[in-house]
Amino acid sequence: MKSLQVEHFPSLPSTNTYLKEQAQLLPKNKISVVHVDEQSHGRGQFQRNWLSPKGNLYFSYAFFIPRLPKNFPLLSIVASTIIAESIDNYGVKLNIHWPNDLYAGGGKCGGILCESLAVREEQLVIIGLGLNLNYSFEQEKNLNASSFFDLTQEKVDIQKIFKKIIKALQKNIPIFFSEGFAPFANKFEQIFSPGKKLYNFNTKNGTLQASILKVTPEGHFVVENKKNEEITIKSFPLSSV
């Protein structure tokens, strides 16, 4: 197991961006972790902004691997599964919304952004997390966001949760890269909320628009098309409709 190199800053524009900018200086034999009290330009998937005020947890977890596996796009749901399972004793039930959102109490409670960057003939993998903990969104109903505090009316120890999640990632992420999605399939299915959102899939007959029902242990997608037919597809979703 690789050791950790942890840095803390009161504020950064984005922890993922910081690690990408520092990529040439990061040690190859360690896991680099950067966490902050707030982000001024937090990022979500597709370059969406992520509101990142004080009182929540924001960090990025980065490491080097020789090359990206074919199933790399599944890393976001694996990381989501690991994180949700590691903090399931705080009275908040987290559900995964494809591909990288954590929901609780009907609102978005967290988001994960996985990125990669070629550095010195290797791949730098970055897992970024924003998790709403002690900040209240009660006065910001338009955001459709929730936090642990909003749902329990109790504040949590951010550092304790941070350490629990890092420990879980450190233990389980190597399993994904050595064994694939199968070890995480059952737990993912328990906390995945399928929904009816449509995604574009490449098939031998062209592009298929379908909603995701589940992911098999082999990493294939069981989807439902517009005719309400269930189909298993090996390709990853290209984009949302």
C-alpha atoms as a PDB file:
ATOM      1  CA  MET A   1       0.000   0.000   0.000  1.00  0.00           C
ATOM      2  CA  LYS A   2       1.416   3.383  -1.011  1.00  0.00           C
ATOM      3  CA  SER A   3       1.963   5.955   1.728  1.00  0.00           C
ATOM      4  CA  LEU A   4       0.219   9.326   1.765  1.00  0.00           C
ATOM      5  CA  GLN A   5       1.507  12.828   1.153  1.00  0.00           C
ATOM      6  CA  VAL A   6      -1.175  15.166   2.520  1.00  0.00           C
ATOM      7  CA  GLU A   7      -1.381  18.934   2.045  1.00  0.00           C
ATOM      8  CA  HIS A   8      -3.976  21.291   3.507  1.00  0.00           C
ATOM      9  CA  PHE A   9      -4.860  24.795   2.359  1.00  0.00           C
ATOM     10  CA  PRO A  10      -7.490  27.187   3.726  1.00  0.00           C
ATOM     11  CA  SER A  11      -8.655  27.828   0.160  1.00  0.00           C
ATOM     12  CA  LEU A  12      -7.855  26.913  -3.444  1.00  0.00           C
ATOM     13  CA  PRO A  13      -9.695  27.512  -6.702  1.00  0.00           C
ATOM     14  CA  SER A  14      -9.960  23.719  -7.184  1.00  0.00           C
ATOM     15  CA  THR A  15      -8.088  20.808  -5.591  1.00  0.00           C
ATOM     16  CA  ASN A  16      -8.193  18.803  -8.839  1.00  0.00           C
ATOM     17  CA  THR A  17      -6.798  21.742 -10.789  1.00  0.00           C
ATOM     18  CA  TYR A  18      -4.055  22.254  -8.198  1.00  0.00           C
ATOM     19  CA  LEU A  19      -2.873  18.645  -8.509  1.00  0.00           C
ATOM     20  CA  LYS A  20      -2.887  18.838 -12.306  1.00  0.00           C
ATOM     21  CA  GLU A  21      -0.782  22.004 -12.146  1.00  0.00           C
ATOM     22  CA  GLN A  22       1.643  20.308  -9.727  1.00  0.00           C
ATOM     23  CA  ALA A  23       1.694  17.019 -11.642  1.00  0.00           C
ATOM     24  CA  GLN A  24       5.366  17.160 -12.640  1.00  0.00           C
ATOM     25  CA  LEU A  25       6.385  17.609  -8.993  1.00  0.00           C
ATOM     26  CA  LEU A  26       4.253  14.884  -7.418  1.00  0.00           C
ATOM     27  CA  PRO A  27       6.060  11.792  -6.079  1.00  0.00           C
ATOM     28  CA  LYS A  28       5.368   8.669  -8.118  1.00  0.00           C
ATOM     29  CA  ASN A  29       5.686   6.335  -5.149  1.00  0.00           C
ATOM     30  CA  LYS A  30       3.105   8.088  -2.953  1.00  0.00           C
ATOM     31  CA  ILE A  31      -0.563   9.012  -2.964  1.00  0.00           C
ATOM     32  CA  SER A  32      -0.924  12.791  -3.040  1.00  0.00           C
ATOM     33  CA  VAL A  33      -3.905  14.216  -1.153  1.00  0.00           C
ATOM     34  CA  VAL A  34      -4.899  17.879  -1.099  1.00  0.00           C
ATOM     35  CA  HIS A  35      -7.791  19.099   1.038  1.00  0.00           C
ATOM     36  CA  VAL A  36      -9.155  22.571   1.646  1.00  0.00           C
ATOM     37  CA  ASP A  37     -11.712  24.388   3.763  1.00  0.00           C
ATOM     38  CA  GLU A  38     -13.298  25.975   0.695  1.00  0.00           C
ATOM     39  CA  GLN A  39     -12.890  26.216  -3.082  1.00  0.00           C
ATOM     40  CA  SER A  40     -13.411  29.392  -5.068  1.00  0.00           C
ATOM     41  CA  HIS A  41     -13.854  27.607  -8.417  1.00  0.00           C
ATOM     42  CA  GLY A  42     -14.901  24.056  -7.593  1.00  0.00           C
ATOM     43  CA  ARG A  43     -15.545  21.913 -10.668  1.00  0.00           C
ATOM     44  CA  GLY A  44     -17.969  19.128 -11.416  1.00  0.00           C
ATOM     45  CA  GLN A  45     -18.402  16.956 -14.469  1.00  0.00           C
ATOM     46  CA  PHE A  46     -18.525  18.709 -17.870  1.00  0.00           C
ATOM     47  CA  GLN A  47     -16.813  21.779 -16.297  1.00  0.00           C
ATOM     48  CA  ARG A  48     -19.903  22.632 -14.240  1.00  0.00           C
ATOM     49  CA  ASN A  49     -19.292  24.859 -11.230  1.00  0.00           C
ATOM     50  CA  TRP A  50     -19.555  23.273  -7.787  1.00  0.00           C
ATOM     51  CA  LEU A  51     -20.576  25.529  -4.877  1.00  0.00           C
ATOM     52  CA  SER A  52     -17.845  25.018  -2.257  1.00  0.00           C
ATOM     53  CA  PRO A  53     -18.415  27.090   0.916  1.00  0.00           C
ATOM     54  CA  LYS A  54     -16.756  26.499   4.282  1.00  0.00           C
ATOM     55  CA  GLY A  55     -18.202  23.780   6.487  1.00  0.00           C
ATOM     56  CA  ASN A  56     -17.967  20.939   3.990  1.00  0.00           C
ATOM     57  CA  LEU A  57     -15.320  18.458   2.845  1.00  0.00           C
ATOM     58  CA  TYR A  58     -13.275  19.066  -0.304  1.00  0.00           C
ATOM     59  CA  PHE A  59     -10.255  17.040  -1.312  1.00  0.00           C
ATOM     60  CA  SER A  60      -8.492  15.378  -4.226  1.00  0.00           C
ATOM     61  CA  TYR A  61      -6.692  12.044  -4.102  1.00  0.00           C
ATOM     62  CA  ALA A  62      -4.048  11.392  -6.770  1.00  0.00           C
ATOM     63  CA  PHE A  63      -1.721   8.555  -7.722  1.00  0.00           C
ATOM     64  CA  PHE A  64       0.276   7.276 -10.686  1.00  0.00           C
ATOM     65  CA  ILE A  65      -0.391   4.115 -12.692  1.00  0.00           C
ATOM     66  CA  PRO A  66       1.427   2.835 -15.803  1.00  0.00           C
ATOM     67  CA  ARG A  67      -1.638   3.058 -18.089  1.00  0.00           C
ATOM     68  CA  LEU A  68      -5.393   3.538 -17.953  1.00  0.00           C
ATOM     69  CA  PRO A  69      -7.452   0.321 -18.022  1.00  0.00           C
ATOM     70  CA  LYS A  70     -10.364  -0.020 -20.445  1.00  0.00           C
ATOM     71  CA  ASN A  71     -12.815   0.142 -17.546  1.00  0.00           C
ATOM     72  CA  PHE A  72     -11.402   3.446 -16.250  1.00  0.00           C
ATOM     73  CA  PRO A  73     -14.769   5.250 -16.785  1.00  0.00           C
ATOM     74  CA  LEU A  74     -16.180   3.049 -13.991  1.00  0.00           C
ATOM     75  CA  LEU A  75     -13.778   4.587 -11.471  1.00  0.00           C
ATOM     76  CA  SER A  76     -16.255   7.336 -10.571  1.00  0.00           C
ATOM     77  CA  ILE A  77     -18.971   4.893  -9.480  1.00  0.00           C
ATOM     78  CA  VAL A  78     -16.419   2.707  -7.694  1.00  0.00           C
ATOM     79  CA  ALA A  79     -15.135   5.738  -5.776  1.00  0.00           C
ATOM     80  CA  SER A  80     -18.728   6.788  -5.034  1.00  0.00           C
ATOM     81  CA  THR A  81     -19.493   3.313  -3.706  1.00  0.00           C
ATOM     82  CA  ILE A  82     -16.374   3.237  -1.517  1.00  0.00           C
ATOM     83  CA  ILE A  83     -17.106   6.690  -0.097  1.00  0.00           C
ATOM     84  CA  ALA A  84     -20.796   6.030   0.593  1.00  0.00           C
ATOM     85  CA  GLU A  85     -20.004   2.739   2.324  1.00  0.00           C
ATOM     86  CA  SER A  86     -17.229   4.243   4.464  1.00  0.00           C
ATOM     87  CA  ILE A  87     -19.525   6.823   6.084  1.00  0.00           C
ATOM     88  CA  ASP A  88     -22.836   4.951   6.288  1.00  0.00           C
ATOM     89  CA  ASN A  89     -23.056   5.277  10.096  1.00  0.00           C
ATOM     90  CA  TYR A  90     -23.901   8.993  10.311  1.00  0.00           C
ATOM     91  CA  GLY A  91     -27.662   8.715   9.906  1.00  0.00           C
ATOM     92  CA  VAL A  92     -27.554   9.807   6.260  1.00  0.00           C
ATOM     93  CA  LYS A  93     -28.350   7.344   3.471  1.00  0.00           C
ATOM     94  CA  LEU A  94     -26.369   8.257   0.368  1.00  0.00           C
ATOM     95  CA  ASN A  95     -27.548   7.152  -3.069  1.00  0.00           C
ATOM     96  CA  ILE A  96     -25.529   7.250  -6.282  1.00  0.00           C
ATOM     97  CA  HIS A  97     -27.002   9.045  -9.294  1.00  0.00           C
ATOM     98  CA  TRP A  98     -25.162   8.210 -12.503  1.00  0.00           C
ATOM     99  CA  PRO A  99     -22.369   8.860 -13.015  1.00  0.00           C
ATOM    100  CA  ASN A 100     -20.830  10.740 -10.107  1.00  0.00           C
ATOM    101  CA  ASP A 101     -23.411  12.384  -7.844  1.00  0.00           C
ATOM    102  CA  LEU A 102     -24.252  11.485  -4.246  1.00  0.00           C
ATOM    103  CA  TYR A 103     -27.821  12.261  -3.181  1.00  0.00           C
ATOM    104  CA  ALA A 104     -29.491  12.196   0.227  1.00  0.00           C
ATOM    105  CA  GLY A 105     -32.928  13.330   1.335  1.00  0.00           C
ATOM    106  CA  GLY A 106     -33.874  14.186  -2.237  1.00  0.00           C
ATOM    107  CA  GLY A 107     -31.034  16.679  -2.733  1.00  0.00           C
ATOM    108  CA  LYS A 108     -27.495  16.544  -4.059  1.00  0.00           C
ATOM    109  CA  CYS A 109     -25.135  15.958  -1.147  1.00  0.00           C
ATOM    110  CA  GLY A 110     -21.861  15.361  -2.951  1.00  0.00           C
ATOM    111  CA  GLY A 111     -20.072  14.930  -6.223  1.00  0.00           C
ATOM    112  CA  ILE A 112     -17.014  13.093  -7.501  1.00  0.00           C
ATOM    113  CA  LEU A 113     -14.791  14.162 -10.381  1.00  0.00           C
ATOM    114  CA  CYS A 114     -12.302  11.606 -11.745  1.00  0.00           C
ATOM    115  CA  GLU A 115      -9.655  12.805 -14.171  1.00  0.00           C
ATOM    116  CA  SER A 116      -6.414  11.556 -15.671  1.00  0.00           C
ATOM    117  CA  LEU A 117      -3.327  13.229 -17.064  1.00  0.00           C
ATOM    118  CA  ALA A 118      -0.313  11.810 -18.903  1.00  0.00           C
ATOM    119  CA  VAL A 119       2.826  12.641 -16.890  1.00  0.00           C
ATOM    120  CA  ARG A 120       6.336  11.342 -17.539  1.00  0.00           C
ATOM    121  CA  GLU A 121       5.147   8.264 -19.481  1.00  0.00           C
ATOM    122  CA  GLU A 122       2.630   7.361 -16.773  1.00  0.00           C
ATOM    123  CA  GLN A 123      -0.941   8.326 -15.983  1.00  0.00           C
ATOM    124  CA  LEU A 124      -1.816  10.543 -13.048  1.00  0.00           C
ATOM    125  CA  VAL A 125      -5.266   9.588 -11.757  1.00  0.00           C
ATOM    126  CA  ILE A 126      -7.151  12.167  -9.682  1.00  0.00           C
ATOM    127  CA  ILE A 127     -10.299  11.516  -7.644  1.00  0.00           C
ATOM    128  CA  GLY A 128     -11.893  14.732  -6.415  1.00  0.00           C
ATOM    129  CA  LEU A 129     -14.680  14.838  -3.827  1.00  0.00           C
ATOM    130  CA  GLY A 130     -16.981  17.566  -2.601  1.00  0.00           C
ATOM    131  CA  LEU A 131     -19.270  16.432   0.232  1.00  0.00           C
ATOM    132  CA  ASN A 132     -21.806  18.680   1.949  1.00  0.00           C
ATOM    133  CA  LEU A 133     -21.464  18.191   5.693  1.00  0.00           C
ATOM    134  CA  ASN A 134     -22.006  21.142   8.054  1.00  0.00           C
ATOM    135  CA  TYR A 135     -23.141  23.887   5.664  1.00  0.00           C
ATOM    136  CA  SER A 136     -26.911  24.397   5.563  1.00  0.00           C
ATOM    137  CA  PHE A 137     -28.699  24.795   2.238  1.00  0.00           C
ATOM    138  CA  GLU A 138     -32.070  25.524   3.867  1.00  0.00           C
ATOM    139  CA  GLN A 139     -32.062  29.079   2.498  1.00  0.00           C
ATOM    140  CA  GLU A 140     -30.937  27.981  -0.974  1.00  0.00           C
ATOM    141  CA  LYS A 141     -33.788  25.752  -2.105  1.00  0.00           C
ATOM    142  CA  ASN A 142     -33.141  26.568  -5.772  1.00  0.00           C
ATOM    143  CA  LEU A 143     -29.907  24.547  -5.653  1.00  0.00           C
ATOM    144  CA  ASN A 144     -31.629  21.215  -4.913  1.00  0.00           C
ATOM    145  CA  ALA A 145     -28.793  20.502  -2.483  1.00  0.00           C
ATOM    146  CA  SER A 146     -28.682  18.830   0.913  1.00  0.00           C
ATOM    147  CA  SER A 147     -26.083  18.337   3.631  1.00  0.00           C
ATOM    148  CA  PHE A 148     -25.548  16.053   6.590  1.00  0.00           C
ATOM    149  CA  PHE A 149     -26.516  18.961   8.859  1.00  0.00           C
ATOM    150  CA  ASP A 150     -29.738  19.676   6.962  1.00  0.00           C
ATOM    151  CA  LEU A 151     -30.764  16.028   7.283  1.00  0.00           C
ATOM    152  CA  THR A 152     -29.741  15.352  10.896  1.00  0.00           C
ATOM    153  CA  GLN A 153     -29.546  18.827  12.501  1.00  0.00           C
ATOM    154  CA  GLU A 154     -26.187  17.772  13.924  1.00  0.00           C
ATOM    155  CA  LYS A 155     -22.702  18.889  12.941  1.00  0.00           C
ATOM    156  CA  VAL A 156     -20.099  16.245  12.199  1.00  0.00           C
ATOM    157  CA  ASP A 157     -16.336  16.088  12.674  1.00  0.00           C
ATOM    158  CA  ILE A 158     -15.053  16.905   9.172  1.00  0.00           C
ATOM    159  CA  GLN A 159     -11.528  15.672   9.882  1.00  0.00           C
ATOM    160  CA  LYS A 160     -12.811  12.348  11.181  1.00  0.00           C
ATOM    161  CA  ILE A 161     -14.889  11.788   8.047  1.00  0.00           C
ATOM    162  CA  PHE A 162     -11.965  12.881   5.868  1.00  0.00           C
ATOM    163  CA  LYS A 163      -9.669  10.306   7.486  1.00  0.00           C
ATOM    164  CA  LYS A 164     -12.264   7.526   7.187  1.00  0.00           C
ATOM    165  CA  ILE A 165     -12.783   8.176   3.482  1.00  0.00           C
ATOM    166  CA  ILE A 166      -9.055   8.399   2.728  1.00  0.00           C
ATOM    167  CA  LYS A 167      -8.446   5.116   4.553  1.00  0.00           C
ATOM    168  CA  ALA A 168     -11.232   3.436   2.559  1.00  0.00           C
ATOM    169  CA  LEU A 169      -9.909   4.756  -0.764  1.00  0.00           C
ATOM    170  CA  GLN A 170      -6.373   3.710   0.111  1.00  0.00           C
ATOM    171  CA  LYS A 171      -7.582   0.174   0.809  1.00  0.00           C
ATOM    172  CA  ASN A 172     -10.084  -0.302  -2.018  1.00  0.00           C
ATOM    173  CA  ILE A 173      -8.968   1.673  -5.077  1.00  0.00           C
ATOM    174  CA  PRO A 174      -6.086  -0.782  -5.762  1.00  0.00           C
ATOM    175  CA  ILE A 175      -8.682  -3.583  -5.772  1.00  0.00           C
ATOM    176  CA  PHE A 176     -10.512  -1.921  -8.659  1.00  0.00           C
ATOM    177  CA  PHE A 177      -7.325  -1.656 -10.726  1.00  0.00           C
ATOM    178  CA  SER A 178      -6.364  -5.279 -10.038  1.00  0.00           C
ATOM    179  CA  GLU A 179      -9.777  -7.016 -10.012  1.00  0.00           C
ATOM    180  CA  GLY A 180     -12.123  -4.683 -11.868  1.00  0.00           C
ATOM    181  CA  PHE A 181     -15.679  -3.709 -10.971  1.00  0.00           C
ATOM    182  CA  ALA A 182     -16.872  -7.118  -9.729  1.00  0.00           C
ATOM    183  CA  PRO A 183     -15.876  -6.679  -6.029  1.00  0.00           C
ATOM    184  CA  PHE A 184     -18.003  -3.504  -5.878  1.00  0.00           C
ATOM    185  CA  ALA A 185     -21.004  -4.584  -7.968  1.00  0.00           C
ATOM    186  CA  ASN A 186     -23.298  -5.774  -5.161  1.00  0.00           C
ATOM    187  CA  LYS A 187     -22.798  -2.734  -2.952  1.00  0.00           C
ATOM    188  CA  PHE A 188     -23.170  -0.385  -5.915  1.00  0.00           C
ATOM    189  CA  GLU A 189     -26.489  -1.980  -6.864  1.00  0.00           C
ATOM    190  CA  GLN A 190     -27.776  -1.431  -3.312  1.00  0.00           C
ATOM    191  CA  ILE A 191     -27.161   2.324  -3.385  1.00  0.00           C
ATOM    192  CA  PHE A 192     -27.625   3.150  -7.085  1.00  0.00           C
ATOM    193  CA  SER A 193     -30.728   5.164  -8.042  1.00  0.00           C
ATOM    194  CA  PRO A 194     -31.390   4.338 -11.718  1.00  0.00           C
ATOM    195  CA  GLY A 195     -33.767   7.161 -12.648  1.00  0.00           C
ATOM    196  CA  LYS A 196     -35.121   7.718 -16.155  1.00  0.00           C
ATOM    197  CA  LYS A 197     -32.462  10.012 -17.605  1.00  0.00           C
ATOM    198  CA  LEU A 198     -31.453   8.998 -21.132  1.00  0.00           C
ATOM    199  CA  TYR A 199     -27.872   8.454 -22.297  1.00  0.00           C
ATOM    200  CA  ASN A 200     -26.351   7.853 -25.721  1.00  0.00           C
ATOM    201  CA  PHE A 201     -24.680   4.470 -26.257  1.00  0.00           C
ATOM    202  CA  ASN A 202     -22.702   3.279 -29.270  1.00  0.00           C
ATOM    203  CA  THR A 203     -23.987  -0.042 -30.628  1.00  0.00           C
ATOM    204  CA  LYS A 204     -23.368  -2.009 -33.823  1.00  0.00           C
ATOM    205  CA  ASN A 205     -26.686  -0.628 -35.078  1.00  0.00           C
ATOM    206  CA  GLY A 206     -25.791   2.980 -34.330  1.00  0.00           C
ATOM    207  CA  THR A 207     -26.470   5.250 -31.363  1.00  0.00           C
ATOM    208  CA  LEU A 208     -28.979   4.009 -28.800  1.00  0.00           C
ATOM    209  CA  GLN A 209     -30.737   6.277 -26.326  1.00  0.00           C
ATOM    210  CA  ALA A 210     -31.526   4.465 -23.086  1.00  0.00           C
ATOM    211  CA  SER A 211     -31.670   4.832 -19.316  1.00  0.00           C
ATOM    212  CA  ILE A 212     -29.270   2.900 -17.083  1.00  0.00           C
ATOM    213  CA  LEU A 213     -30.824   0.216 -14.866  1.00  0.00           C
ATOM    214  CA  LYS A 214     -27.683  -1.367 -13.421  1.00  0.00           C
ATOM    215  CA  VAL A 215     -24.054  -2.303 -14.044  1.00  0.00           C
ATOM    216  CA  THR A 216     -23.135  -5.989 -14.121  1.00  0.00           C
ATOM    217  CA  PRO A 217     -20.101  -7.394 -12.262  1.00  0.00           C
ATOM    218  CA  GLU A 218     -18.358  -7.569 -15.657  1.00  0.00           C
ATOM    219  CA  GLY A 219     -18.836  -3.816 -16.078  1.00  0.00           C
ATOM    220  CA  HIS A 220     -21.553  -4.065 -18.733  1.00  0.00           C
ATOM    221  CA  PHE A 221     -24.635  -1.856 -18.694  1.00  0.00           C
ATOM    222  CA  VAL A 222     -28.189  -3.119 -18.409  1.00  0.00           C
ATOM    223  CA  VAL A 223     -30.306  -0.369 -19.960  1.00  0.00           C
ATOM    224  CA  GLU A 224     -33.912   0.312 -20.890  1.00  0.00           C
ATOM    225  CA  ASN A 225     -34.671   1.786 -24.303  1.00  0.00           C
ATOM    226  CA  LYS A 226     -37.624   3.973 -25.269  1.00  0.00           C
ATOM    227  CA  LYS A 227     -39.683   0.835 -25.965  1.00  0.00           C
ATOM    228  CA  ASN A 228     -39.168  -0.276 -22.337  1.00  0.00           C
ATOM    229  CA  GLU A 229     -36.954  -3.154 -23.487  1.00  0.00           C
ATOM    230  CA  GLU A 230     -34.003  -4.238 -21.343  1.00  0.00           C
ATOM    231  CA  ILE A 231     -30.717  -4.547 -23.216  1.00  0.00           C
ATOM    232  CA  THR A 232     -27.178  -5.349 -22.050  1.00  0.00           C
ATOM    233  CA  ILE A 233     -24.494  -3.140 -23.611  1.00  0.00           C
ATOM    234  CA  LYS A 234     -20.723  -3.450 -23.290  1.00  0.00           C
ATOM    235  CA  SER A 235     -19.889   0.133 -24.285  1.00  0.00           C
ATOM    236  CA  PHE A 236     -19.842   3.077 -21.877  1.00  0.00           C
ATOM    237  CA  PRO A 237     -22.369   5.924 -22.127  1.00  0.00           C
ATOM    238  CA  LEU A 238     -21.116   8.663 -24.443  1.00  0.00           C
ATOM    239  CA  SER A 239     -23.207  11.520 -23.095  1.00  0.00           C
ATOM    240  CA  SER A 240     -26.557  12.395 -21.589  1.00  0.00           C
ATOM    241  CA  VAL A 241     -29.454  13.296 -23.869  1.00  0.00           C
END
